PDB file of all heavy atoms in Angstrom:
ATOM      1  N   ASP A   1      17.728   9.717  25.835  1.00  0.00           N
ATOM      2  CA  ASP A   1      17.403  11.113  25.711  1.00  0.00           C
ATOM      3  C   ASP A   1      17.572  11.650  24.276  1.00  0.00           C
ATOM      4  O   ASP A   1      16.798  12.544  23.888  1.00  0.00           O
ATOM      5  CB  ASP A   1      18.377  11.963  26.611  1.00  0.00           C
ATOM      6  CG  ASP A   1      18.106  11.757  28.151  1.00  0.00           C
ATOM      7  OD1 ASP A   1      16.887  11.362  28.430  1.00  0.00           O
ATOM      8  OD2 ASP A   1      18.960  11.996  28.860  1.00  0.00           O
ATOM      9  N   ALA A   2      18.497  11.054  23.505  1.00  0.00           N
ATOM     10  CA  ALA A   2      18.730  11.528  22.158  1.00  0.00           C
ATOM     11  C   ALA A   2      17.437  11.395  21.342  1.00  0.00           C
ATOM     12  O   ALA A   2      17.061  12.201  20.561  1.00  0.00           O
ATOM     13  CB  ALA A   2      19.876  10.728  21.508  1.00  0.00           C
ATOM     14  N   PHE A   3      16.740  10.281  21.500  1.00  0.00           N
ATOM     15  CA  PHE A   3      15.531  10.049  20.776  1.00  0.00           C
ATOM     16  C   PHE A   3      14.407  11.095  21.220  1.00  0.00           C
ATOM     17  O   PHE A   3      13.745  11.617  20.386  1.00  0.00           O
ATOM     18  CB  PHE A   3      14.993   8.661  20.933  1.00  0.00           C
ATOM     19  CG  PHE A   3      13.702   8.343  20.192  1.00  0.00           C
ATOM     20  CD1 PHE A   3      13.790   8.004  18.872  1.00  0.00           C
ATOM     21  CD2 PHE A   3      12.483   8.426  20.807  1.00  0.00           C
ATOM     22  CE1 PHE A   3      12.581   7.773  18.133  1.00  0.00           C
ATOM     23  CE2 PHE A   3      11.313   8.167  20.170  1.00  0.00           C
ATOM     24  CZ  PHE A   3      11.363   7.895  18.802  1.00  0.00           C
ATOM     25  N   ALA A   4      14.421  11.270  22.511  1.00  0.00           N
ATOM     26  CA  ALA A   4      13.367  12.230  23.000  1.00  0.00           C
ATOM     27  C   ALA A   4      13.662  13.651  22.457  1.00  0.00           C
ATOM     28  O   ALA A   4      12.724  14.352  22.023  1.00  0.00           O
ATOM     29  CB  ALA A   4      13.441  12.250  24.519  1.00  0.00           C
ATOM     30  N   TRP A   5      14.912  14.081  22.362  1.00  0.00           N
ATOM     31  CA  TRP A   5      15.271  15.347  21.763  1.00  0.00           C
ATOM     32  C   TRP A   5      14.880  15.371  20.377  1.00  0.00           C
ATOM     33  O   TRP A   5      14.394  16.384  19.839  1.00  0.00           O
ATOM     34  CB  TRP A   5      16.742  15.659  21.961  1.00  0.00           C
ATOM     35  CG  TRP A   5      17.173  15.750  23.391  1.00  0.00           C
ATOM     36  CD1 TRP A   5      16.451  16.085  24.511  1.00  0.00           C
ATOM     37  CD2 TRP A   5      18.566  15.463  23.874  1.00  0.00           C
ATOM     38  NE1 TRP A   5      17.231  16.093  25.599  1.00  0.00           N
ATOM     39  CE2 TRP A   5      18.550  15.690  25.253  1.00  0.00           C
ATOM     40  CE3 TRP A   5      19.740  15.134  23.237  1.00  0.00           C
ATOM     41  CZ2 TRP A   5      19.682  15.519  26.051  1.00  0.00           C
ATOM     42  CZ3 TRP A   5      20.833  14.935  24.046  1.00  0.00           C
ATOM     43  CH2 TRP A   5      20.847  15.166  25.401  1.00  0.00           C
ATOM     44  N   SER A   6      15.113  14.308  19.652  1.00  0.00           N
ATOM     45  CA  SER A   6      14.858  14.265  18.181  1.00  0.00           C
ATOM     46  C   SER A   6      13.426  14.456  17.898  1.00  0.00           C
ATOM     47  O   SER A   6      13.086  15.214  16.916  1.00  0.00           O
ATOM     48  CB  SER A   6      15.291  12.900  17.658  1.00  0.00           C
ATOM     49  OG  SER A   6      16.675  12.669  17.838  1.00  0.00           O
ATOM     50  N   THR A   7      12.512  13.913  18.697  1.00  0.00           N
ATOM     51  CA  THR A   7      11.069  14.073  18.422  1.00  0.00           C
ATOM     52  C   THR A   7      10.623  15.568  18.560  1.00  0.00           C
ATOM     53  O   THR A   7       9.604  15.935  18.048  1.00  0.00           O
ATOM     54  CB  THR A   7      10.226  13.191  19.299  1.00  0.00           C
ATOM     55  OG1 THR A   7      10.377  13.522  20.724  1.00  0.00           O
ATOM     56  CG2 THR A   7      10.622  11.705  19.103  1.00  0.00           C
ATOM     57  N   LYS A   8      11.406  16.247  19.384  1.00  0.00           N
ATOM     58  CA  LYS A   8      11.057  17.631  19.678  1.00  0.00           C
ATOM     59  C   LYS A   8      11.611  18.626  18.652  1.00  0.00           C
ATOM     60  O   LYS A   8      11.212  19.819  18.606  1.00  0.00           O
ATOM     61  CB  LYS A   8      11.514  18.059  21.084  1.00  0.00           C
ATOM     62  CG  LYS A   8      10.790  17.282  22.134  1.00  0.00           C
ATOM     63  CD  LYS A   8      11.392  17.696  23.535  1.00  0.00           C
ATOM     64  CE  LYS A   8      10.738  16.850  24.628  1.00  0.00           C
ATOM     65  NZ  LYS A   8      11.239  17.150  26.011  1.00  0.00           N
ATOM     66  N   CYS A   9      12.576  18.170  17.854  1.00  0.00           N
ATOM     67  CA  CYS A   9      13.249  19.143  16.912  1.00  0.00           C
ATOM     68  C   CYS A   9      13.256  18.516  15.514  1.00  0.00           C
ATOM     69  O   CYS A   9      14.052  18.955  14.652  1.00  0.00           O
ATOM     70  CB  CYS A   9      14.592  19.531  17.336  1.00  0.00           C
ATOM     71  SG  CYS A   9      15.811  18.238  17.435  1.00  0.00           S
ATOM     72  N   VAL A  10      12.409  17.506  15.162  1.00  0.00           N
ATOM     73  CA  VAL A  10      12.344  17.012  13.848  1.00  0.00           C
ATOM     74  C   VAL A  10      11.357  17.875  13.028  1.00  0.00           C
ATOM     75  O   VAL A  10      10.399  18.415  13.572  1.00  0.00           O
ATOM     76  CB  VAL A  10      11.884  15.498  13.852  1.00  0.00           C
ATOM     77  CG1 VAL A  10      10.527  15.367  14.458  1.00  0.00           C
ATOM     78  CG2 VAL A  10      12.093  14.919  12.451  1.00  0.00           C
ATOM     79  N   ALA A  11      11.603  17.997  11.739  1.00  0.00           N
ATOM     80  CA  ALA A  11      10.800  18.912  10.907  1.00  0.00           C
ATOM     81  C   ALA A  11       9.480  18.236  10.460  1.00  0.00           C
ATOM     82  O   ALA A  11       9.339  17.100  10.647  1.00  0.00           O
ATOM     83  CB  ALA A  11      11.613  19.292   9.661  1.00  0.00           C
ATOM     84  N   PHE A  12       8.618  19.056   9.960  1.00  0.00           N
ATOM     85  CA  PHE A  12       7.434  18.629   9.332  1.00  0.00           C
ATOM     86  C   PHE A  12       7.863  17.614   8.278  1.00  0.00           C
ATOM     87  O   PHE A  12       8.700  17.931   7.376  1.00  0.00           O
ATOM     88  CB  PHE A  12       6.679  19.776   8.728  1.00  0.00           C
ATOM     89  CG  PHE A  12       5.508  19.382   7.874  1.00  0.00           C
ATOM     90  CD1 PHE A  12       4.316  18.903   8.390  1.00  0.00           C
ATOM     91  CD2 PHE A  12       5.590  19.460   6.421  1.00  0.00           C
ATOM     92  CE1 PHE A  12       3.235  18.524   7.626  1.00  0.00           C
ATOM     93  CE2 PHE A  12       4.533  19.138   5.663  1.00  0.00           C
ATOM     94  CZ  PHE A  12       3.285  18.650   6.201  1.00  0.00           C
ATOM     95  N   GLU A  13       7.237  16.468   8.245  1.00  0.00           N
ATOM     96  CA  GLU A  13       7.606  15.414   7.281  1.00  0.00           C
ATOM     97  C   GLU A  13       9.049  14.852   7.459  1.00  0.00           C
ATOM     98  O   GLU A  13       9.645  14.373   6.518  1.00  0.00           O
ATOM     99  CB  GLU A  13       7.354  15.774   5.811  1.00  0.00           C
ATOM    100  CG  GLU A  13       5.867  15.903   5.516  1.00  0.00           C
ATOM    101  CD  GLU A  13       5.581  15.955   4.020  1.00  0.00           C
ATOM    102  OE1 GLU A  13       6.411  16.476   3.226  1.00  0.00           O
ATOM    103  OE2 GLU A  13       4.506  15.430   3.576  1.00  0.00           O
ATOM    104  N   GLY A  14       9.628  15.124   8.618  1.00  0.00           N
ATOM    105  CA  GLY A  14      10.947  14.622   8.905  1.00  0.00           C
ATOM    106  C   GLY A  14      10.999  13.180   9.134  1.00  0.00           C
ATOM    107  O   GLY A  14       9.960  12.531   9.364  1.00  0.00           O
ATOM    108  N   ARG A  15      12.189  12.617   9.173  1.00  0.00           N
ATOM    109  CA  ARG A  15      12.411  11.179   9.302  1.00  0.00           C
ATOM    110  C   ARG A  15      13.422  10.912  10.396  1.00  0.00           C
ATOM    111  O   ARG A  15      14.546  11.462  10.257  1.00  0.00           O
ATOM    112  CB  ARG A  15      12.878  10.571   8.004  1.00  0.00           C
ATOM    113  CG  ARG A  15      11.826  10.525   6.885  1.00  0.00           C
ATOM    114  CD  ARG A  15      11.850  11.875   6.070  1.00  0.00           C
ATOM    115  NE  ARG A  15      12.971  11.977   5.166  1.00  0.00           N
ATOM    116  CZ  ARG A  15      13.328  13.095   4.603  1.00  0.00           C
ATOM    117  NH1 ARG A  15      12.740  14.247   4.900  1.00  0.00           N
ATOM    118  NH2 ARG A  15      14.310  13.118   3.705  1.00  0.00           N
ATOM    119  N   ILE A  16      13.048  10.150  11.377  1.00  0.00           N
ATOM    120  CA  ILE A  16      14.023   9.732  12.413  1.00  0.00           C
ATOM    121  C   ILE A  16      14.383   8.273  12.125  1.00  0.00           C
ATOM    122  O   ILE A  16      13.540   7.398  12.109  1.00  0.00           O
ATOM    123  CB  ILE A  16      13.402   9.813  13.819  1.00  0.00           C
ATOM    124  CG1 ILE A  16      13.018  11.286  14.123  1.00  0.00           C
ATOM    125  CG2 ILE A  16      14.370   9.323  14.848  1.00  0.00           C
ATOM    126  CD1 ILE A  16      12.270  11.433  15.461  1.00  0.00           C
ATOM    127  N   VAL A  17      15.770   7.999  11.967  1.00  0.00           N
ATOM    128  CA  VAL A  17      16.243   6.731  11.687  1.00  0.00           C
ATOM    129  C   VAL A  17      16.786   6.106  12.964  1.00  0.00           C
ATOM    130  O   VAL A  17      17.780   6.636  13.495  1.00  0.00           O
ATOM    131  CB  VAL A  17      17.348   6.733  10.581  1.00  0.00           C
ATOM    132  CG1 VAL A  17      17.757   5.333  10.212  1.00  0.00           C
ATOM    133  CG2 VAL A  17      16.834   7.488   9.352  1.00  0.00           C
ATOM    134  N   VAL A  18      16.191   5.062  13.397  1.00  0.00           N
ATOM    135  CA  VAL A  18      16.555   4.377  14.623  1.00  0.00           C
ATOM    136  C   VAL A  18      17.609   3.345  14.240  1.00  0.00           C
ATOM    137  O   VAL A  18      17.271   2.314  13.620  1.00  0.00           O
ATOM    138  CB  VAL A  18      15.420   3.765  15.393  1.00  0.00           C
ATOM    139  CG1 VAL A  18      15.849   3.026  16.618  1.00  0.00           C
ATOM    140  CG2 VAL A  18      14.359   4.863  15.748  1.00  0.00           C
ATOM    141  N   VAL A  19      18.891   3.590  14.696  1.00  0.00           N
ATOM    142  CA  VAL A  19      20.025   2.728  14.317  1.00  0.00           C
ATOM    143  C   VAL A  19      20.384   1.803  15.527  1.00  0.00           C
ATOM    144  O   VAL A  19      20.928   0.707  15.275  1.00  0.00           O
ATOM    145  CB  VAL A  19      21.188   3.552  13.897  1.00  0.00           C
ATOM    146  CG1 VAL A  19      22.311   2.652  13.288  1.00  0.00           C
ATOM    147  CG2 VAL A  19      20.763   4.530  12.752  1.00  0.00           C
ATOM    148  N   GLY A  20      20.286   2.275  16.647  1.00  0.00           N
ATOM    149  CA  GLY A  20      20.739   1.474  17.823  1.00  0.00           C
ATOM    150  C   GLY A  20      20.446   2.200  19.144  1.00  0.00           C
ATOM    151  O   GLY A  20      19.887   3.280  19.147  1.00  0.00           O
ATOM    152  N   PHE A  21      20.992   1.568  20.207  1.00  0.00           N
ATOM    153  CA  PHE A  21      20.651   2.136  21.570  1.00  0.00           C
ATOM    154  C   PHE A  21      21.928   2.094  22.445  1.00  0.00           C
ATOM    155  O   PHE A  21      22.002   1.430  23.407  1.00  0.00           O
ATOM    156  CB  PHE A  21      19.550   1.275  22.231  1.00  0.00           C
ATOM    157  CG  PHE A  21      18.393   1.072  21.252  1.00  0.00           C
ATOM    158  CD1 PHE A  21      18.154  -0.190  20.732  1.00  0.00           C
ATOM    159  CD2 PHE A  21      17.504   2.063  21.015  1.00  0.00           C
ATOM    160  CE1 PHE A  21      17.108  -0.379  19.836  1.00  0.00           C
ATOM    161  CE2 PHE A  21      16.412   1.904  20.125  1.00  0.00           C
ATOM    162  CZ  PHE A  21      16.248   0.626  19.547  1.00  0.00           C
ATOM    163  N   ALA A  22      22.978   2.831  21.957  1.00  0.00           N
ATOM    164  CA  ALA A  22      24.246   2.848  22.613  1.00  0.00           C
ATOM    165  C   ALA A  22      24.093   3.395  24.107  1.00  0.00           C
ATOM    166  O   ALA A  22      24.947   3.124  24.971  1.00  0.00           O
ATOM    167  CB  ALA A  22      25.238   3.616  21.918  1.00  0.00           C
ATOM    168  N   SER A  23      23.057   4.173  24.371  1.00  0.00           N
ATOM    169  CA  SER A  23      22.870   4.701  25.707  1.00  0.00           C
ATOM    170  C   SER A  23      22.433   3.639  26.682  1.00  0.00           C
ATOM    171  O   SER A  23      22.524   3.792  27.853  1.00  0.00           O
ATOM    172  CB  SER A  23      21.752   5.787  25.621  1.00  0.00           C
ATOM    173  OG  SER A  23      20.499   5.245  25.369  1.00  0.00           O
ATOM    174  N   GLY A  24      21.921   2.494  26.140  1.00  0.00           N
ATOM    175  CA  GLY A  24      21.480   1.376  26.945  1.00  0.00           C
ATOM    176  C   GLY A  24      20.003   1.460  27.245  1.00  0.00           C
ATOM    177  O   GLY A  24      19.408   0.604  27.895  1.00  0.00           O
ATOM    178  N   THR A  25      19.348   2.590  26.805  1.00  0.00           N
ATOM    179  CA  THR A  25      17.926   2.835  27.039  1.00  0.00           C
ATOM    180  C   THR A  25      17.134   2.699  25.712  1.00  0.00           C
ATOM    181  O   THR A  25      17.401   3.551  24.809  1.00  0.00           O
ATOM    182  CB  THR A  25      17.697   4.175  27.700  1.00  0.00           C
ATOM    183  OG1 THR A  25      18.383   4.234  28.921  1.00  0.00           O
ATOM    184  CG2 THR A  25      16.155   4.382  27.974  1.00  0.00           C
ATOM    185  N   VAL A  26      16.172   1.838  25.618  1.00  0.00           N
ATOM    186  CA  VAL A  26      15.371   1.695  24.428  1.00  0.00           C
ATOM    187  C   VAL A  26      14.149   2.593  24.654  1.00  0.00           C
ATOM    188  O   VAL A  26      13.307   2.288  25.483  1.00  0.00           O
ATOM    189  CB  VAL A  26      14.943   0.264  24.188  1.00  0.00           C
ATOM    190  CG1 VAL A  26      14.071   0.145  22.922  1.00  0.00           C
ATOM    191  CG2 VAL A  26      16.195  -0.657  24.035  1.00  0.00           C
ATOM    192  N   PRO A  27      13.963   3.676  23.842  1.00  0.00           N
ATOM    193  CA  PRO A  27      12.906   4.563  24.089  1.00  0.00           C
ATOM    194  C   PRO A  27      11.561   3.981  23.669  1.00  0.00           C
ATOM    195  O   PRO A  27      11.548   3.131  22.792  1.00  0.00           O
ATOM    196  CB  PRO A  27      13.254   5.821  23.225  1.00  0.00           C
ATOM    197  CG  PRO A  27      14.136   5.274  22.125  1.00  0.00           C
ATOM    198  CD  PRO A  27      14.834   4.110  22.771  1.00  0.00           C
ATOM    199  N   GLN A  28      10.499   4.429  24.334  1.00  0.00           N
ATOM    200  CA  GLN A  28       9.152   4.043  23.901  1.00  0.00           C
ATOM    201  C   GLN A  28       8.540   5.149  23.084  1.00  0.00           C
ATOM    202  O   GLN A  28       8.296   6.275  23.599  1.00  0.00           O
ATOM    203  CB  GLN A  28       8.256   3.792  25.187  1.00  0.00           C
ATOM    204  CG  GLN A  28       8.878   2.676  26.028  1.00  0.00           C
ATOM    205  CD  GLN A  28       8.886   1.295  25.380  1.00  0.00           C
ATOM    206  OE1 GLN A  28       7.903   0.863  24.771  1.00  0.00           O
ATOM    207  NE2 GLN A  28      10.060   0.696  25.366  1.00  0.00           N
ATOM    208  N   ALA A  29       8.386   4.991  21.850  1.00  0.00           N
ATOM    209  CA  ALA A  29       7.844   6.059  20.922  1.00  0.00           C
ATOM    210  C   ALA A  29       6.403   6.270  21.235  1.00  0.00           C
ATOM    211  O   ALA A  29       5.501   5.375  21.359  1.00  0.00           O
ATOM    212  CB  ALA A  29       7.987   5.569  19.471  1.00  0.00           C
ATOM    213  N   ALA A  30       6.078   7.575  21.325  1.00  0.00           N
ATOM    214  CA  ALA A  30       4.700   8.054  21.424  1.00  0.00           C
ATOM    215  C   ALA A  30       4.014   8.282  20.046  1.00  0.00           C
ATOM    216  O   ALA A  30       4.366   9.230  19.400  1.00  0.00           O
ATOM    217  CB  ALA A  30       4.618   9.368  22.252  1.00  0.00           C
ATOM    218  N   LEU A  31       3.305   7.307  19.649  1.00  0.00           N
ATOM    219  CA  LEU A  31       2.778   7.368  18.230  1.00  0.00           C
ATOM    220  C   LEU A  31       1.885   8.494  18.018  1.00  0.00           C
ATOM    221  O   LEU A  31       1.707   9.020  16.905  1.00  0.00           O
ATOM    222  CB  LEU A  31       2.234   6.002  17.844  1.00  0.00           C
ATOM    223  CG  LEU A  31       3.139   4.849  17.846  1.00  0.00           C
ATOM    224  CD1 LEU A  31       2.507   3.567  17.318  1.00  0.00           C
ATOM    225  CD2 LEU A  31       4.413   5.156  16.971  1.00  0.00           C
ATOM    226  N   ASN A  32       1.129   8.914  19.078  1.00  0.00           N
ATOM    227  CA  ASN A  32       0.275  10.080  18.929  1.00  0.00           C
ATOM    228  C   ASN A  32       1.055  11.345  18.587  1.00  0.00           C
ATOM    229  O   ASN A  32       0.608  12.187  17.839  1.00  0.00           O
ATOM    230  CB  ASN A  32      -0.580  10.328  20.214  1.00  0.00           C
ATOM    231  CG  ASN A  32       0.248  10.523  21.419  1.00  0.00           C
ATOM    232  OD1 ASN A  32       1.330   9.950  21.595  1.00  0.00           O
ATOM    233  ND2 ASN A  32      -0.215  11.402  22.335  1.00  0.00           N
ATOM    234  N   HIS A  33       2.334  11.429  19.135  1.00  0.00           N
ATOM    235  CA  HIS A  33       3.157  12.556  18.870  1.00  0.00           C
ATOM    236  C   HIS A  33       3.629  12.544  17.409  1.00  0.00           C
ATOM    237  O   HIS A  33       3.663  13.638  16.716  1.00  0.00           O
ATOM    238  CB  HIS A  33       4.371  12.501  19.825  1.00  0.00           C
ATOM    239  CG  HIS A  33       5.164  13.784  19.832  1.00  0.00           C
ATOM    240  ND1 HIS A  33       6.333  13.935  19.136  1.00  0.00           N
ATOM    241  CD2 HIS A  33       4.983  14.989  20.418  1.00  0.00           C
ATOM    242  CE1 HIS A  33       6.859  15.136  19.282  1.00  0.00           C
ATOM    243  NE2 HIS A  33       5.988  15.828  20.094  1.00  0.00           N
ATOM    244  N   ALA A  34       4.016  11.319  16.964  1.00  0.00           N
ATOM    245  CA  ALA A  34       4.409  11.228  15.492  1.00  0.00           C
ATOM    246  C   ALA A  34       3.213  11.616  14.600  1.00  0.00           C
ATOM    247  O   ALA A  34       3.472  12.217  13.507  1.00  0.00           O
ATOM    248  CB  ALA A  34       4.867   9.834  15.239  1.00  0.00           C
ATOM    249  N   LEU A  35       1.982  11.279  14.948  1.00  0.00           N
ATOM    250  CA  LEU A  35       0.817  11.596  14.231  1.00  0.00           C
ATOM    251  C   LEU A  35       0.602  13.144  14.229  1.00  0.00           C
ATOM    252  O   LEU A  35       0.447  13.752  13.128  1.00  0.00           O
ATOM    253  CB  LEU A  35      -0.391  10.821  14.756  1.00  0.00           C
ATOM    254  CG  LEU A  35      -1.743  11.070  14.071  1.00  0.00           C
ATOM    255  CD1 LEU A  35      -2.654   9.820  14.264  1.00  0.00           C
ATOM    256  CD2 LEU A  35      -2.491  12.315  14.563  1.00  0.00           C
ATOM    257  N   VAL A  36       0.667  13.704  15.306  1.00  0.00           N
ATOM    258  CA  VAL A  36       0.341  15.141  15.470  1.00  0.00           C
ATOM    259  C   VAL A  36       1.406  16.040  14.749  1.00  0.00           C
ATOM    260  O   VAL A  36       1.090  16.981  14.085  1.00  0.00           O
ATOM    261  CB  VAL A  36       0.220  15.582  16.908  1.00  0.00           C
ATOM    262  CG1 VAL A  36       0.081  17.081  17.055  1.00  0.00           C
ATOM    263  CG2 VAL A  36      -1.037  14.974  17.496  1.00  0.00           C
ATOM    264  N   LYS A  37       2.644  15.672  14.813  1.00  0.00           N
ATOM    265  CA  LYS A  37       3.708  16.400  14.252  1.00  0.00           C
ATOM    266  C   LYS A  37       4.063  15.976  12.833  1.00  0.00           C
ATOM    267  O   LYS A  37       4.862  16.556  12.140  1.00  0.00           O
ATOM    268  CB  LYS A  37       5.064  16.310  15.085  1.00  0.00           C
ATOM    269  CG  LYS A  37       4.984  17.093  16.416  1.00  0.00           C
ATOM    270  CD  LYS A  37       6.347  17.319  16.970  1.00  0.00           C
ATOM    271  CE  LYS A  37       7.276  18.203  16.137  1.00  0.00           C
ATOM    272  NZ  LYS A  37       8.548  18.488  16.732  1.00  0.00           N
ATOM    273  N   ASN A  38       3.446  14.853  12.417  1.00  0.00           N
ATOM    274  CA  ASN A  38       3.594  14.398  11.036  1.00  0.00           C
ATOM    275  C   ASN A  38       5.129  14.062  10.625  1.00  0.00           C
ATOM    276  O   ASN A  38       5.630  14.547   9.608  1.00  0.00           O
ATOM    277  CB  ASN A  38       3.074  15.491  10.026  1.00  0.00           C
ATOM    278  CG  ASN A  38       2.638  14.844   8.679  1.00  0.00           C
ATOM    279  OD1 ASN A  38       1.818  13.927   8.682  1.00  0.00           O
ATOM    280  ND2 ASN A  38       3.161  15.286   7.586  1.00  0.00           N
ATOM    281  N   TYR A  39       5.689  13.207  11.511  1.00  0.00           N
ATOM    282  CA  TYR A  39       7.009  12.740  11.183  1.00  0.00           C
ATOM    283  C   TYR A  39       7.019  11.254  11.162  1.00  0.00           C
ATOM    284  O   TYR A  39       6.088  10.607  11.563  1.00  0.00           O
ATOM    285  CB  TYR A  39       8.099  13.281  12.142  1.00  0.00           C
ATOM    286  CG  TYR A  39       7.904  12.867  13.621  1.00  0.00           C
ATOM    287  CD1 TYR A  39       8.408  11.617  14.119  1.00  0.00           C
ATOM    288  CD2 TYR A  39       7.294  13.718  14.573  1.00  0.00           C
ATOM    289  CE1 TYR A  39       8.228  11.267  15.419  1.00  0.00           C
ATOM    290  CE2 TYR A  39       7.143  13.395  15.854  1.00  0.00           C
ATOM    291  CZ  TYR A  39       7.620  12.117  16.253  1.00  0.00           C
ATOM    292  OH  TYR A  39       7.449  11.797  17.597  1.00  0.00           O
ATOM    293  N   THR A  40       8.127  10.645  10.673  1.00  0.00           N
ATOM    294  CA  THR A  40       8.190   9.226  10.449  1.00  0.00           C
ATOM    295  C   THR A  40       9.376   8.644  11.275  1.00  0.00           C
ATOM    296  O   THR A  40      10.439   9.228  11.343  1.00  0.00           O
ATOM    297  CB  THR A  40       8.505   8.894   8.937  1.00  0.00           C
ATOM    298  OG1 THR A  40       7.464   9.455   8.139  1.00  0.00           O
ATOM    299  CG2 THR A  40       8.596   7.376   8.716  1.00  0.00           C
ATOM    300  N   ILE A  41       9.135   7.486  11.899  1.00  0.00           N
ATOM    301  CA  ILE A  41      10.191   6.741  12.661  1.00  0.00           C
ATOM    302  C   ILE A  41      10.469   5.528  11.778  1.00  0.00           C
ATOM    303  O   ILE A  41       9.637   4.737  11.489  1.00  0.00           O
ATOM    304  CB  ILE A  41       9.642   6.392  14.047  1.00  0.00           C
ATOM    305  CG1 ILE A  41       9.187   7.573  14.822  1.00  0.00           C
ATOM    306  CG2 ILE A  41      10.748   5.562  14.783  1.00  0.00           C
ATOM    307  CD1 ILE A  41       8.468   7.270  16.109  1.00  0.00           C
ATOM    308  N   LEU A  42      11.717   5.487  11.476  1.00  0.00           N
ATOM    309  CA  LEU A  42      12.213   4.382  10.592  1.00  0.00           C
ATOM    310  C   LEU A  42      13.231   3.485  11.307  1.00  0.00           C
ATOM    311  O   LEU A  42      14.231   3.979  11.887  1.00  0.00           O
ATOM    312  CB  LEU A  42      12.948   4.940   9.321  1.00  0.00           C
ATOM    313  CG  LEU A  42      12.000   5.824   8.441  1.00  0.00           C
ATOM    314  CD1 LEU A  42      12.965   6.637   7.521  1.00  0.00           C
ATOM    315  CD2 LEU A  42      11.114   4.982   7.561  1.00  0.00           C
ATOM    316  N   GLY A  43      12.964   2.212  11.322  1.00  0.00           N
ATOM    317  CA  GLY A  43      13.900   1.246  11.919  1.00  0.00           C
ATOM    318  C   GLY A  43      14.940   0.822  10.890  1.00  0.00           C
ATOM    319  O   GLY A  43      14.603   0.779   9.731  1.00  0.00           O
ATOM    320  N   LEU A  44      16.161   0.610  11.293  1.00  0.00           N
ATOM    321  CA  LEU A  44      17.196   0.139  10.386  1.00  0.00           C
ATOM    322  C   LEU A  44      17.970  -1.031  10.992  1.00  0.00           C
ATOM    323  O   LEU A  44      18.669  -0.921  12.006  1.00  0.00           O
ATOM    324  CB  LEU A  44      18.185   1.208  10.013  1.00  0.00           C
ATOM    325  CG  LEU A  44      19.320   0.773   9.177  1.00  0.00           C
ATOM    326  CD1 LEU A  44      18.869   0.298   7.789  1.00  0.00           C
ATOM    327  CD2 LEU A  44      20.384   1.816   8.979  1.00  0.00           C
ATOM    328  N   HIS A  45      17.788  -2.187  10.464  1.00  0.00           N
ATOM    329  CA  HIS A  45      18.555  -3.402  10.794  1.00  0.00           C
ATOM    330  C   HIS A  45      19.322  -3.803   9.540  1.00  0.00           C
ATOM    331  O   HIS A  45      18.830  -4.562   8.688  1.00  0.00           O
ATOM    332  CB  HIS A  45      17.670  -4.578  11.208  1.00  0.00           C
ATOM    333  CG  HIS A  45      18.310  -5.789  11.698  1.00  0.00           C
ATOM    334  ND1 HIS A  45      17.709  -7.019  11.987  1.00  0.00           N
ATOM    335  CD2 HIS A  45      19.721  -6.035  11.783  1.00  0.00           C
ATOM    336  CE1 HIS A  45      18.638  -7.870  12.282  1.00  0.00           C
ATOM    337  NE2 HIS A  45      19.821  -7.373  12.164  1.00  0.00           N
ATOM    338  N   TRP A  46      20.557  -3.290   9.405  1.00  0.00           N
ATOM    339  CA  TRP A  46      21.310  -3.462   8.201  1.00  0.00           C
ATOM    340  C   TRP A  46      21.535  -4.930   7.901  1.00  0.00           C
ATOM    341  O   TRP A  46      21.565  -5.302   6.727  1.00  0.00           O
ATOM    342  CB  TRP A  46      22.666  -2.692   8.273  1.00  0.00           C
ATOM    343  CG  TRP A  46      23.589  -3.097   7.087  1.00  0.00           C
ATOM    344  CD1 TRP A  46      23.421  -2.649   5.808  1.00  0.00           C
ATOM    345  CD2 TRP A  46      24.662  -3.953   7.156  1.00  0.00           C
ATOM    346  NE1 TRP A  46      24.409  -3.225   5.047  1.00  0.00           N
ATOM    347  CE2 TRP A  46      25.174  -4.063   5.857  1.00  0.00           C
ATOM    348  CE3 TRP A  46      25.239  -4.740   8.172  1.00  0.00           C
ATOM    349  CZ2 TRP A  46      26.291  -4.845   5.540  1.00  0.00           C
ATOM    350  CZ3 TRP A  46      26.356  -5.535   7.850  1.00  0.00           C
ATOM    351  CH2 TRP A  46      26.859  -5.592   6.568  1.00  0.00           C
TER     352      TRP A  46
END
């Protein structure tokens, strides 16, 4: 749910950093939504 909320309240040219899945649920990103809202999804494997 945290990722879903994030896509709804991220700013224009915002960046969502995906760090992990402590909830146990790996979200499926809707790339059309990222395109329309013009935000970036960034993976981080330190």
